[in-house]
N, C-alpha and C. Protein backbone atom coordinates (compact mmCIF):
# COMPACT_ATOMS: atom_id res chain seq x y z
N UNK A 1 -16.91 -5.14 10.51
CA UNK A 1 -15.82 -5.62 9.71
C UNK A 1 -14.60 -4.76 10.00
N UNK A 2 -13.49 -5.39 10.32
CA UNK A 2 -12.25 -4.69 10.60
C UNK A 2 -11.39 -4.67 9.33
N UNK A 3 -11.01 -3.48 8.91
CA UNK A 3 -10.23 -3.31 7.69
C UNK A 3 -8.79 -2.97 8.08
N UNK A 4 -7.86 -3.76 7.58
CA UNK A 4 -6.45 -3.57 7.88
C UNK A 4 -5.96 -2.21 7.38
N UNK A 5 -5.09 -1.58 8.15
CA UNK A 5 -4.50 -0.30 7.76
C UNK A 5 -3.15 -0.50 7.06
N UNK A 6 -3.04 -1.58 6.31
CA UNK A 6 -1.83 -1.84 5.54
C UNK A 6 -1.80 -0.93 4.32
N UNK A 7 -0.59 -0.56 3.88
CA UNK A 7 -0.48 0.24 2.65
C UNK A 7 -0.95 -0.57 1.43
N UNK A 8 -1.40 0.16 0.41
CA UNK A 8 -1.76 -0.44 -0.88
C UNK A 8 -0.68 -0.04 -1.86
N UNK A 9 -0.11 -1.01 -2.55
CA UNK A 9 0.98 -0.75 -3.48
C UNK A 9 0.46 -0.83 -4.91
N UNK A 10 0.90 0.11 -5.74
CA UNK A 10 0.63 0.07 -7.16
C UNK A 10 1.98 -0.06 -7.86
N UNK A 11 1.96 0.01 -9.17
CA UNK A 11 3.21 -0.10 -9.92
C UNK A 11 4.19 0.99 -9.52
N UNK A 12 3.68 2.23 -9.29
CA UNK A 12 4.58 3.36 -9.01
C UNK A 12 4.33 4.04 -7.67
N UNK A 13 3.24 3.71 -7.01
CA UNK A 13 2.82 4.45 -5.82
C UNK A 13 2.67 3.56 -4.61
N UNK A 14 2.79 4.18 -3.46
CA UNK A 14 2.43 3.55 -2.18
C UNK A 14 1.31 4.40 -1.60
N UNK A 15 0.16 3.78 -1.37
CA UNK A 15 -0.97 4.46 -0.72
C UNK A 15 -0.95 4.02 0.74
N UNK A 16 -0.56 4.95 1.63
CA UNK A 16 -0.48 4.64 3.06
C UNK A 16 -1.64 5.26 3.79
N UNK A 17 -2.27 4.52 4.70
CA UNK A 17 -3.31 5.16 5.51
C UNK A 17 -2.76 6.45 6.13
N UNK A 18 -3.47 7.53 5.93
CA UNK A 18 -2.99 8.84 6.38
C UNK A 18 -3.18 9.02 7.87
N UNK A 19 -2.40 9.95 8.41
CA UNK A 19 -2.46 10.25 9.84
C UNK A 19 -2.04 11.70 10.07
N UNK A 20 -2.10 12.12 11.31
CA UNK A 20 -1.75 13.49 11.69
C UNK A 20 -0.38 13.91 11.17
N UNK A 21 0.55 12.97 11.06
CA UNK A 21 1.91 13.31 10.62
C UNK A 21 1.96 13.81 9.17
N UNK A 22 0.90 13.61 8.40
CA UNK A 22 0.85 14.06 7.00
C UNK A 22 0.35 15.49 6.85
N UNK A 23 -0.10 16.10 7.93
CA UNK A 23 -0.74 17.42 7.85
C UNK A 23 0.19 18.51 7.31
N UNK A 24 1.42 18.55 7.77
CA UNK A 24 2.33 19.62 7.32
C UNK A 24 2.58 19.53 5.82
N UNK A 25 2.75 18.34 5.31
CA UNK A 25 2.96 18.16 3.87
C UNK A 25 1.70 18.55 3.10
N UNK A 26 0.54 18.22 3.63
CA UNK A 26 -0.72 18.60 2.99
C UNK A 26 -0.87 20.12 2.92
N UNK A 27 -0.44 20.81 3.97
CA UNK A 27 -0.48 22.28 3.96
C UNK A 27 0.41 22.80 2.84
N UNK A 28 1.59 22.23 2.69
CA UNK A 28 2.49 22.64 1.59
C UNK A 28 1.81 22.46 0.24
N UNK A 29 1.22 21.31 0.02
CA UNK A 29 0.58 21.02 -1.27
C UNK A 29 -0.59 21.96 -1.51
N UNK A 30 -1.44 22.14 -0.52
CA UNK A 30 -2.63 22.97 -0.71
C UNK A 30 -2.34 24.47 -0.62
N UNK A 31 -1.10 24.84 -0.34
CA UNK A 31 -0.73 26.25 -0.37
C UNK A 31 -0.54 26.73 -1.82
N UNK A 32 -0.56 25.82 -2.75
CA UNK A 32 -0.52 26.14 -4.18
C UNK A 32 -1.96 26.42 -4.62
N UNK A 33 -2.22 27.66 -5.03
CA UNK A 33 -3.58 28.06 -5.43
C UNK A 33 -4.13 27.15 -6.53
N UNK A 34 -3.28 26.70 -7.45
CA UNK A 34 -3.74 25.85 -8.54
C UNK A 34 -4.29 24.52 -8.02
N UNK A 35 -3.77 24.03 -6.92
CA UNK A 35 -4.28 22.81 -6.29
C UNK A 35 -5.55 23.14 -5.50
N UNK A 36 -5.48 24.14 -4.64
CA UNK A 36 -6.60 24.47 -3.75
C UNK A 36 -7.87 24.80 -4.52
N UNK A 37 -7.74 25.50 -5.65
CA UNK A 37 -8.94 25.91 -6.38
C UNK A 37 -9.68 24.73 -6.99
N UNK A 38 -9.03 23.57 -7.11
CA UNK A 38 -9.68 22.38 -7.66
C UNK A 38 -10.41 21.56 -6.60
N UNK A 39 -10.26 21.94 -5.34
CA UNK A 39 -10.88 21.17 -4.25
C UNK A 39 -12.24 21.74 -3.89
N UNK A 40 -13.19 20.86 -3.63
CA UNK A 40 -14.53 21.33 -3.29
C UNK A 40 -14.61 21.92 -1.89
N UNK A 41 -13.76 21.45 -0.99
CA UNK A 41 -13.77 21.96 0.38
C UNK A 41 -12.34 22.20 0.85
N UNK A 42 -11.89 23.41 0.67
CA UNK A 42 -10.53 23.74 1.10
C UNK A 42 -10.45 25.23 1.43
N UNK A 43 -9.69 25.55 2.45
CA UNK A 43 -9.40 26.94 2.77
C UNK A 43 -8.17 27.36 1.99
N UNK A 44 -8.14 28.60 1.59
CA UNK A 44 -6.92 29.12 0.96
C UNK A 44 -6.63 30.49 1.52
N UNK A 45 -5.44 30.65 2.04
CA UNK A 45 -4.43 29.60 2.24
C UNK A 45 -4.90 28.62 3.31
N UNK A 46 -4.35 27.41 3.30
CA UNK A 46 -4.77 26.42 4.29
C UNK A 46 -4.37 26.84 5.70
N UNK A 47 -5.17 26.47 6.66
CA UNK A 47 -4.90 26.77 8.07
C UNK A 47 -4.25 25.52 8.67
N UNK A 48 -3.02 25.65 9.12
CA UNK A 48 -2.25 24.50 9.61
C UNK A 48 -2.97 23.73 10.71
N UNK A 49 -3.57 24.44 11.67
CA UNK A 49 -4.24 23.73 12.77
C UNK A 49 -5.47 22.98 12.27
N UNK A 50 -6.21 23.57 11.35
CA UNK A 50 -7.37 22.86 10.77
C UNK A 50 -6.92 21.60 10.05
N UNK A 51 -5.84 21.69 9.31
CA UNK A 51 -5.33 20.54 8.57
C UNK A 51 -4.85 19.47 9.56
N UNK A 52 -4.17 19.87 10.62
CA UNK A 52 -3.71 18.92 11.63
C UNK A 52 -4.90 18.23 12.29
N UNK A 53 -5.93 19.00 12.62
CA UNK A 53 -7.13 18.41 13.23
C UNK A 53 -7.80 17.42 12.28
N UNK A 54 -7.90 17.81 11.00
CA UNK A 54 -8.56 16.93 10.02
C UNK A 54 -7.78 15.64 9.86
N UNK A 55 -6.46 15.74 9.64
CA UNK A 55 -5.65 14.53 9.51
C UNK A 55 -5.67 13.71 10.80
N UNK A 56 -5.77 14.38 11.94
CA UNK A 56 -5.86 13.69 13.21
C UNK A 56 -7.12 12.86 13.37
N UNK A 57 -8.15 13.17 12.59
CA UNK A 57 -9.42 12.43 12.67
C UNK A 57 -9.43 11.19 11.76
N UNK A 58 -8.44 11.03 10.92
CA UNK A 58 -8.46 9.96 9.92
C UNK A 58 -8.47 8.56 10.52
N UNK A 59 -7.67 8.33 11.55
CA UNK A 59 -7.65 6.99 12.17
C UNK A 59 -8.99 6.66 12.81
N UNK A 60 -9.62 7.65 13.44
CA UNK A 60 -10.93 7.43 14.06
C UNK A 60 -11.99 7.14 12.99
N UNK A 61 -11.96 7.90 11.89
CA UNK A 61 -12.92 7.66 10.80
C UNK A 61 -12.75 6.24 10.24
N UNK A 62 -11.49 5.82 10.10
CA UNK A 62 -11.21 4.46 9.62
C UNK A 62 -11.81 3.44 10.58
N UNK A 63 -11.55 3.61 11.87
CA UNK A 63 -12.07 2.67 12.88
C UNK A 63 -13.59 2.64 12.88
N UNK A 64 -14.21 3.80 12.65
CA UNK A 64 -15.67 3.89 12.61
C UNK A 64 -16.25 3.40 11.29
N UNK A 65 -15.41 3.22 10.28
CA UNK A 65 -15.87 2.76 8.98
C UNK A 65 -16.55 3.83 8.15
N UNK A 66 -16.28 5.11 8.45
CA UNK A 66 -16.95 6.19 7.72
C UNK A 66 -16.08 6.82 6.63
N UNK A 67 -14.76 6.62 6.71
CA UNK A 67 -13.85 7.15 5.69
C UNK A 67 -12.54 6.36 5.73
N UNK A 68 -11.95 6.21 4.55
CA UNK A 68 -10.67 5.52 4.39
C UNK A 68 -9.80 6.43 3.54
N UNK A 69 -8.78 7.03 4.18
CA UNK A 69 -7.96 8.03 3.52
C UNK A 69 -6.51 7.55 3.44
N UNK A 70 -5.90 7.77 2.29
CA UNK A 70 -4.55 7.31 2.04
C UNK A 70 -3.67 8.45 1.53
N UNK A 71 -2.49 8.61 2.14
CA UNK A 71 -1.47 9.49 1.60
C UNK A 71 -0.91 8.80 0.36
N UNK A 72 -0.77 9.54 -0.71
CA UNK A 72 -0.22 9.01 -1.96
C UNK A 72 1.27 9.35 -1.98
N UNK A 73 2.10 8.32 -1.94
CA UNK A 73 3.55 8.50 -1.94
C UNK A 73 4.14 8.05 -3.27
N UNK A 74 5.08 8.84 -3.77
CA UNK A 74 5.84 8.48 -4.96
C UNK A 74 7.30 8.79 -4.66
N UNK A 75 8.14 7.80 -4.82
CA UNK A 75 9.56 8.00 -4.54
C UNK A 75 9.82 8.36 -3.09
N UNK A 76 9.00 7.85 -2.16
CA UNK A 76 9.19 8.12 -0.74
C UNK A 76 8.69 9.47 -0.27
N UNK A 77 7.94 10.19 -1.12
CA UNK A 77 7.46 11.53 -0.80
C UNK A 77 5.95 11.60 -1.01
N UNK A 78 5.26 12.21 -0.07
CA UNK A 78 3.81 12.38 -0.20
C UNK A 78 3.53 13.40 -1.31
N UNK A 79 2.72 12.98 -2.30
CA UNK A 79 2.36 13.87 -3.40
C UNK A 79 0.87 14.21 -3.41
N UNK A 80 0.10 13.62 -2.47
CA UNK A 80 -1.33 13.91 -2.43
C UNK A 80 -2.08 12.97 -1.53
N UNK A 81 -3.38 12.92 -1.75
CA UNK A 81 -4.27 12.11 -0.92
C UNK A 81 -5.37 11.54 -1.82
N UNK A 82 -5.78 10.31 -1.53
CA UNK A 82 -6.93 9.69 -2.19
C UNK A 82 -7.78 9.09 -1.09
N UNK A 83 -9.11 9.22 -1.21
CA UNK A 83 -9.94 8.70 -0.12
C UNK A 83 -11.30 8.24 -0.58
N UNK A 84 -11.90 7.42 0.27
CA UNK A 84 -13.31 7.06 0.18
C UNK A 84 -13.94 7.67 1.42
N UNK A 85 -14.86 8.57 1.21
CA UNK A 85 -15.47 9.35 2.28
C UNK A 85 -16.97 9.07 2.31
N UNK A 86 -17.61 9.52 3.36
CA UNK A 86 -19.07 9.38 3.50
C UNK A 86 -19.51 7.94 3.27
N UNK A 87 -18.76 7.01 3.83
CA UNK A 87 -19.08 5.59 3.66
C UNK A 87 -20.24 5.23 4.58
N UNK A 88 -21.33 4.79 3.97
CA UNK A 88 -22.53 4.37 4.70
C UNK A 88 -23.47 3.68 3.72
N UNK A 89 -24.26 2.76 4.22
CA UNK A 89 -25.29 2.10 3.41
C UNK A 89 -24.71 1.54 2.11
N UNK A 90 -23.57 0.87 2.18
CA UNK A 90 -22.92 0.23 1.04
C UNK A 90 -22.50 1.20 -0.06
N UNK A 91 -22.31 2.48 0.29
CA UNK A 91 -21.87 3.49 -0.68
C UNK A 91 -20.73 4.31 -0.09
N UNK A 92 -19.99 4.96 -0.97
CA UNK A 92 -18.94 5.86 -0.54
C UNK A 92 -18.67 6.86 -1.65
N UNK A 93 -17.88 7.89 -1.32
CA UNK A 93 -17.54 8.94 -2.26
C UNK A 93 -16.03 8.96 -2.46
N UNK A 94 -15.60 8.83 -3.72
CA UNK A 94 -14.19 8.85 -4.07
C UNK A 94 -13.72 10.28 -4.23
N UNK A 95 -12.55 10.59 -3.67
CA UNK A 95 -11.94 11.89 -3.85
C UNK A 95 -10.43 11.75 -3.93
N UNK A 96 -9.79 12.75 -4.52
CA UNK A 96 -8.33 12.73 -4.63
C UNK A 96 -7.82 14.12 -4.94
N UNK A 97 -6.60 14.39 -4.52
CA UNK A 97 -5.88 15.60 -4.90
C UNK A 97 -4.38 15.32 -4.85
N UNK A 98 -3.67 15.96 -5.79
CA UNK A 98 -2.23 15.77 -5.90
C UNK A 98 -1.55 17.13 -6.05
N UNK A 99 -0.28 17.18 -5.66
CA UNK A 99 0.51 18.38 -5.89
C UNK A 99 0.58 18.63 -7.40
N UNK A 100 0.73 19.89 -7.77
CA UNK A 100 0.72 20.25 -9.19
C UNK A 100 1.84 19.56 -9.98
N UNK A 101 3.01 19.38 -9.37
CA UNK A 101 4.13 18.72 -10.06
C UNK A 101 3.80 17.28 -10.46
N UNK A 102 2.81 16.68 -9.82
CA UNK A 102 2.42 15.29 -10.11
C UNK A 102 1.33 15.19 -11.18
N UNK A 103 0.74 16.32 -11.55
CA UNK A 103 -0.33 16.30 -12.55
C UNK A 103 0.21 15.83 -13.90
N UNK A 104 -0.62 15.13 -14.64
CA UNK A 104 -0.28 14.73 -16.00
C UNK A 104 0.61 13.51 -16.10
N UNK A 105 0.85 12.83 -14.99
CA UNK A 105 1.71 11.65 -14.98
C UNK A 105 0.94 10.34 -14.79
N UNK A 106 -0.38 10.42 -14.72
CA UNK A 106 -1.18 9.21 -14.51
C UNK A 106 -1.29 8.78 -13.06
N UNK A 107 -0.73 9.56 -12.13
CA UNK A 107 -0.76 9.18 -10.72
C UNK A 107 -2.18 9.21 -10.15
N UNK A 108 -2.96 10.22 -10.52
CA UNK A 108 -4.33 10.30 -10.01
C UNK A 108 -5.14 9.10 -10.47
N UNK A 109 -5.00 8.72 -11.73
CA UNK A 109 -5.70 7.54 -12.26
C UNK A 109 -5.28 6.29 -11.51
N UNK A 110 -3.99 6.13 -11.32
CA UNK A 110 -3.44 4.94 -10.65
C UNK A 110 -3.96 4.84 -9.21
N UNK A 111 -3.93 5.96 -8.48
CA UNK A 111 -4.39 5.96 -7.09
C UNK A 111 -5.91 5.77 -7.01
N UNK A 112 -6.65 6.47 -7.88
CA UNK A 112 -8.11 6.36 -7.85
C UNK A 112 -8.58 4.96 -8.24
N UNK A 113 -7.92 4.36 -9.21
CA UNK A 113 -8.29 3.00 -9.61
C UNK A 113 -8.04 2.02 -8.47
N UNK A 114 -6.91 2.17 -7.78
CA UNK A 114 -6.60 1.29 -6.65
C UNK A 114 -7.63 1.45 -5.55
N UNK A 115 -8.03 2.68 -5.26
CA UNK A 115 -9.01 2.88 -4.20
C UNK A 115 -10.41 2.45 -4.61
N UNK A 116 -10.74 2.56 -5.88
CA UNK A 116 -12.02 2.05 -6.38
C UNK A 116 -12.08 0.54 -6.14
N UNK A 117 -11.02 -0.16 -6.49
CA UNK A 117 -10.96 -1.61 -6.25
C UNK A 117 -11.04 -1.93 -4.76
N UNK A 118 -10.33 -1.15 -3.95
CA UNK A 118 -10.37 -1.32 -2.49
C UNK A 118 -11.82 -1.18 -1.98
N UNK A 119 -12.54 -0.18 -2.48
CA UNK A 119 -13.92 0.03 -2.05
C UNK A 119 -14.83 -1.13 -2.39
N UNK A 120 -14.71 -1.64 -3.60
CA UNK A 120 -15.58 -2.75 -4.01
C UNK A 120 -15.14 -4.08 -3.41
N UNK A 121 -13.84 -4.33 -3.39
CA UNK A 121 -13.35 -5.64 -2.95
C UNK A 121 -13.22 -5.77 -1.44
N UNK A 122 -12.58 -4.78 -0.80
CA UNK A 122 -12.32 -4.88 0.63
C UNK A 122 -13.49 -4.39 1.48
N UNK A 123 -14.08 -3.27 1.08
CA UNK A 123 -15.18 -2.70 1.86
C UNK A 123 -16.52 -3.27 1.45
N UNK A 124 -16.55 -3.95 0.32
CA UNK A 124 -17.78 -4.55 -0.23
C UNK A 124 -18.88 -3.51 -0.48
N UNK A 125 -18.45 -2.34 -0.96
CA UNK A 125 -19.42 -1.30 -1.30
C UNK A 125 -20.15 -1.70 -2.58
N UNK A 126 -21.38 -1.28 -2.70
CA UNK A 126 -22.17 -1.55 -3.89
C UNK A 126 -22.11 -0.40 -4.89
N UNK A 127 -21.81 0.81 -4.41
CA UNK A 127 -21.79 1.98 -5.29
C UNK A 127 -20.78 2.99 -4.78
N UNK A 128 -20.09 3.61 -5.73
CA UNK A 128 -19.21 4.73 -5.43
C UNK A 128 -19.72 5.95 -6.17
N UNK A 129 -19.56 7.09 -5.55
CA UNK A 129 -19.92 8.36 -6.17
C UNK A 129 -18.66 9.22 -6.24
N UNK A 130 -18.68 10.17 -7.13
CA UNK A 130 -17.58 11.13 -7.26
C UNK A 130 -18.14 12.35 -7.98
N UNK A 131 -17.40 13.42 -7.94
CA UNK A 131 -17.81 14.61 -8.65
C UNK A 131 -16.60 15.41 -9.08
N UNK A 132 -16.84 16.31 -10.01
CA UNK A 132 -15.76 17.21 -10.44
C UNK A 132 -16.38 18.51 -10.93
N UNK A 133 -15.62 19.57 -10.85
CA UNK A 133 -16.09 20.88 -11.28
C UNK A 133 -15.84 21.05 -12.78
N UNK A 134 -16.67 21.86 -13.41
CA UNK A 134 -16.57 22.08 -14.85
C UNK A 134 -15.20 22.59 -15.28
N UNK A 135 -14.52 23.32 -14.39
CA UNK A 135 -13.20 23.84 -14.75
C UNK A 135 -12.07 22.86 -14.44
N UNK A 136 -12.42 21.60 -14.19
CA UNK A 136 -11.43 20.55 -13.95
C UNK A 136 -11.75 19.33 -14.82
N UNK A 137 -11.71 19.49 -16.14
CA UNK A 137 -12.09 18.38 -17.02
C UNK A 137 -11.15 17.17 -16.91
N UNK A 138 -9.91 17.37 -16.48
CA UNK A 138 -8.99 16.24 -16.33
C UNK A 138 -9.53 15.25 -15.32
N UNK A 139 -10.10 15.74 -14.24
CA UNK A 139 -10.68 14.86 -13.24
C UNK A 139 -11.88 14.10 -13.82
N UNK A 140 -12.67 14.78 -14.63
CA UNK A 140 -13.79 14.11 -15.29
C UNK A 140 -13.33 12.98 -16.20
N UNK A 141 -12.23 13.19 -16.92
CA UNK A 141 -11.70 12.14 -17.79
C UNK A 141 -11.22 10.94 -16.98
N UNK A 142 -10.59 11.20 -15.84
CA UNK A 142 -10.14 10.09 -14.97
C UNK A 142 -11.33 9.27 -14.52
N UNK A 143 -12.37 9.94 -14.03
CA UNK A 143 -13.54 9.23 -13.53
C UNK A 143 -14.23 8.44 -14.64
N UNK A 144 -14.32 9.01 -15.82
CA UNK A 144 -14.94 8.31 -16.94
C UNK A 144 -14.13 7.07 -17.32
N UNK A 145 -12.80 7.19 -17.36
CA UNK A 145 -11.95 6.04 -17.66
C UNK A 145 -12.11 4.94 -16.63
N UNK A 146 -12.36 5.33 -15.38
CA UNK A 146 -12.55 4.34 -14.32
C UNK A 146 -13.88 3.60 -14.46
N UNK A 147 -14.82 4.18 -15.20
CA UNK A 147 -16.12 3.54 -15.37
C UNK A 147 -17.26 4.27 -14.71
N UNK A 148 -16.98 5.44 -14.12
CA UNK A 148 -18.06 6.24 -13.52
C UNK A 148 -18.94 6.77 -14.64
N UNK A 149 -20.23 6.87 -14.36
CA UNK A 149 -21.21 7.36 -15.33
C UNK A 149 -21.89 8.60 -14.77
N UNK A 150 -22.14 9.57 -15.66
CA UNK A 150 -22.79 10.81 -15.26
C UNK A 150 -24.20 10.54 -14.76
N UNK A 151 -24.53 11.09 -13.58
CA UNK A 151 -25.89 10.97 -13.06
C UNK A 151 -26.58 12.32 -12.93
N UNK A 152 -25.79 13.41 -12.88
CA UNK A 152 -26.42 14.73 -12.72
C UNK A 152 -25.39 15.83 -12.93
N UNK A 153 -25.88 16.98 -13.36
CA UNK A 153 -25.07 18.21 -13.40
C UNK A 153 -25.82 19.21 -12.54
N UNK A 154 -25.09 19.83 -11.63
CA UNK A 154 -25.72 20.73 -10.68
C UNK A 154 -24.92 22.02 -10.56
N UNK A 155 -25.58 23.05 -10.09
CA UNK A 155 -24.91 24.28 -9.70
C UNK A 155 -24.84 24.28 -8.19
N UNK A 156 -23.74 24.75 -7.67
CA UNK A 156 -23.55 24.75 -6.22
C UNK A 156 -22.86 26.03 -5.81
N UNK A 157 -23.06 26.42 -4.57
CA UNK A 157 -22.34 27.55 -4.01
C UNK A 157 -20.92 27.10 -3.70
N UNK A 158 -19.93 27.82 -4.18
CA UNK A 158 -18.55 27.40 -3.93
C UNK A 158 -18.23 27.42 -2.45
N UNK A 159 -17.34 26.52 -2.06
CA UNK A 159 -16.93 26.39 -0.67
C UNK A 159 -15.49 26.85 -0.53
N UNK A 160 -15.28 27.92 0.14
CA UNK A 160 -13.98 28.49 0.49
C UNK A 160 -13.07 28.75 -0.69
N UNK A 161 -12.23 27.83 -1.10
CA UNK A 161 -11.20 28.12 -2.10
C UNK A 161 -11.74 28.20 -3.52
N UNK A 162 -12.84 27.55 -3.83
CA UNK A 162 -13.36 27.52 -5.21
C UNK A 162 -13.75 28.90 -5.67
N UNK A 163 -13.45 29.22 -6.92
CA UNK A 163 -13.87 30.48 -7.52
C UNK A 163 -15.25 30.31 -8.12
N UNK A 164 -16.19 31.17 -7.79
CA UNK A 164 -17.51 31.06 -8.40
C UNK A 164 -17.50 31.59 -9.83
N UNK A 165 -18.50 31.15 -10.59
CA UNK A 165 -18.69 31.73 -11.91
C UNK A 165 -19.29 33.12 -11.72
N UNK A 166 -19.57 33.80 -12.80
CA UNK A 166 -20.08 35.17 -12.70
C UNK A 166 -21.42 35.25 -11.97
N UNK A 167 -22.18 34.17 -11.93
CA UNK A 167 -23.47 34.21 -11.24
C UNK A 167 -23.37 33.72 -9.79
N UNK A 168 -22.16 33.51 -9.29
CA UNK A 168 -21.97 33.13 -7.89
C UNK A 168 -22.06 31.64 -7.64
N UNK A 169 -22.27 30.84 -8.70
CA UNK A 169 -22.38 29.39 -8.53
C UNK A 169 -21.27 28.72 -9.31
N UNK A 170 -21.07 27.45 -9.03
CA UNK A 170 -20.13 26.68 -9.84
C UNK A 170 -20.88 25.47 -10.37
N UNK A 171 -20.44 24.99 -11.50
CA UNK A 171 -21.07 23.84 -12.14
C UNK A 171 -20.32 22.58 -11.73
N UNK A 172 -21.05 21.59 -11.25
CA UNK A 172 -20.47 20.32 -10.84
C UNK A 172 -21.12 19.20 -11.62
N UNK A 173 -20.35 18.16 -11.91
CA UNK A 173 -20.90 16.95 -12.49
C UNK A 173 -20.80 15.86 -11.44
N UNK A 174 -21.91 15.19 -11.18
CA UNK A 174 -21.94 14.09 -10.23
C UNK A 174 -21.95 12.78 -11.02
N UNK A 175 -21.13 11.83 -10.59
CA UNK A 175 -21.03 10.57 -11.28
C UNK A 175 -21.17 9.44 -10.28
N UNK A 176 -21.49 8.25 -10.78
CA UNK A 176 -21.54 7.08 -9.90
C UNK A 176 -21.04 5.85 -10.65
N UNK A 177 -20.68 4.85 -9.88
CA UNK A 177 -20.23 3.57 -10.43
C UNK A 177 -20.74 2.49 -9.50
N UNK A 178 -21.45 1.52 -10.06
CA UNK A 178 -21.95 0.40 -9.27
C UNK A 178 -20.94 -0.73 -9.30
N UNK A 179 -20.96 -1.56 -8.28
CA UNK A 179 -20.09 -2.72 -8.20
C UNK A 179 -20.30 -3.60 -9.43
N UNK A 180 -21.50 -3.66 -9.95
CA UNK A 180 -21.80 -4.48 -11.13
C UNK A 180 -21.08 -3.96 -12.36
N UNK A 181 -20.69 -2.69 -12.36
CA UNK A 181 -19.94 -2.11 -13.48
C UNK A 181 -18.47 -2.51 -13.42
N UNK A 182 -18.08 -3.19 -12.36
CA UNK A 182 -16.68 -3.54 -12.12
C UNK A 182 -16.26 -4.70 -13.04
N UNK A 183 -16.18 -4.41 -14.35
CA UNK A 183 -15.68 -5.42 -15.27
C UNK A 183 -14.77 -4.74 -16.29
N UNK A 184 -13.89 -5.50 -16.92
CA UNK A 184 -12.87 -4.92 -17.79
C UNK A 184 -13.42 -4.08 -18.94
N UNK A 185 -14.61 -4.37 -19.41
CA UNK A 185 -15.13 -3.61 -20.54
C UNK A 185 -15.56 -2.21 -20.17
N UNK A 186 -15.75 -1.94 -18.87
CA UNK A 186 -16.21 -0.63 -18.42
C UNK A 186 -15.10 0.30 -17.98
N UNK A 187 -13.88 -0.19 -17.80
CA UNK A 187 -12.83 0.63 -17.22
C UNK A 187 -11.52 0.49 -17.95
N UNK A 188 -10.63 1.38 -17.64
CA UNK A 188 -9.31 1.38 -18.26
C UNK A 188 -8.58 0.05 -17.98
N UNK A 189 -8.76 -0.50 -16.80
CA UNK A 189 -8.16 -1.79 -16.44
C UNK A 189 -8.92 -2.36 -15.26
N UNK A 190 -9.12 -3.66 -15.22
CA UNK A 190 -9.87 -4.27 -14.13
C UNK A 190 -9.09 -4.30 -12.83
N UNK A 191 -9.79 -4.54 -11.74
CA UNK A 191 -9.11 -4.74 -10.46
C UNK A 191 -8.32 -6.02 -10.54
N UNK A 192 -7.14 -6.01 -9.96
CA UNK A 192 -6.29 -7.21 -9.98
C UNK A 192 -6.80 -8.23 -8.99
């Protein structure tokens, strides 16, 4: 199945398929410790060449059907990224990050909801997974509003930028959402 790389428009955002040209802006955003510490896999400070290489792989991942990543633009400026990763066997993993100045404005919810709909409607996924760290309850609230349900709480070894708890582990909540849950009673708003 060939998936168009057209932008997805929301009321306030443009989600554009990301590419290598977004790497420098991503380095700027992730150079903020408050942003980097919320990511499960991030170097701090970010390494520009690693970021360029990662963004350079996005078009190939899209073509292979393994990941669909979008730069989140507001007012003509990239403020973050939202993606469906690890796409295989009718499942994928939702992720997102935004610059700190964009927090608290509903942008993460708007972008994540649009990509959730994209996953179920365009990619025909049967299940989406997501996770968040215990020290990021705002992300947990977004996922719950979208209709994700808790499936597990785990301890994990932090990866690069994450700060471990005193015992060297971090607490994560894993959530999932089935395509069958895609109805207005389960989420903040249905897919259009």
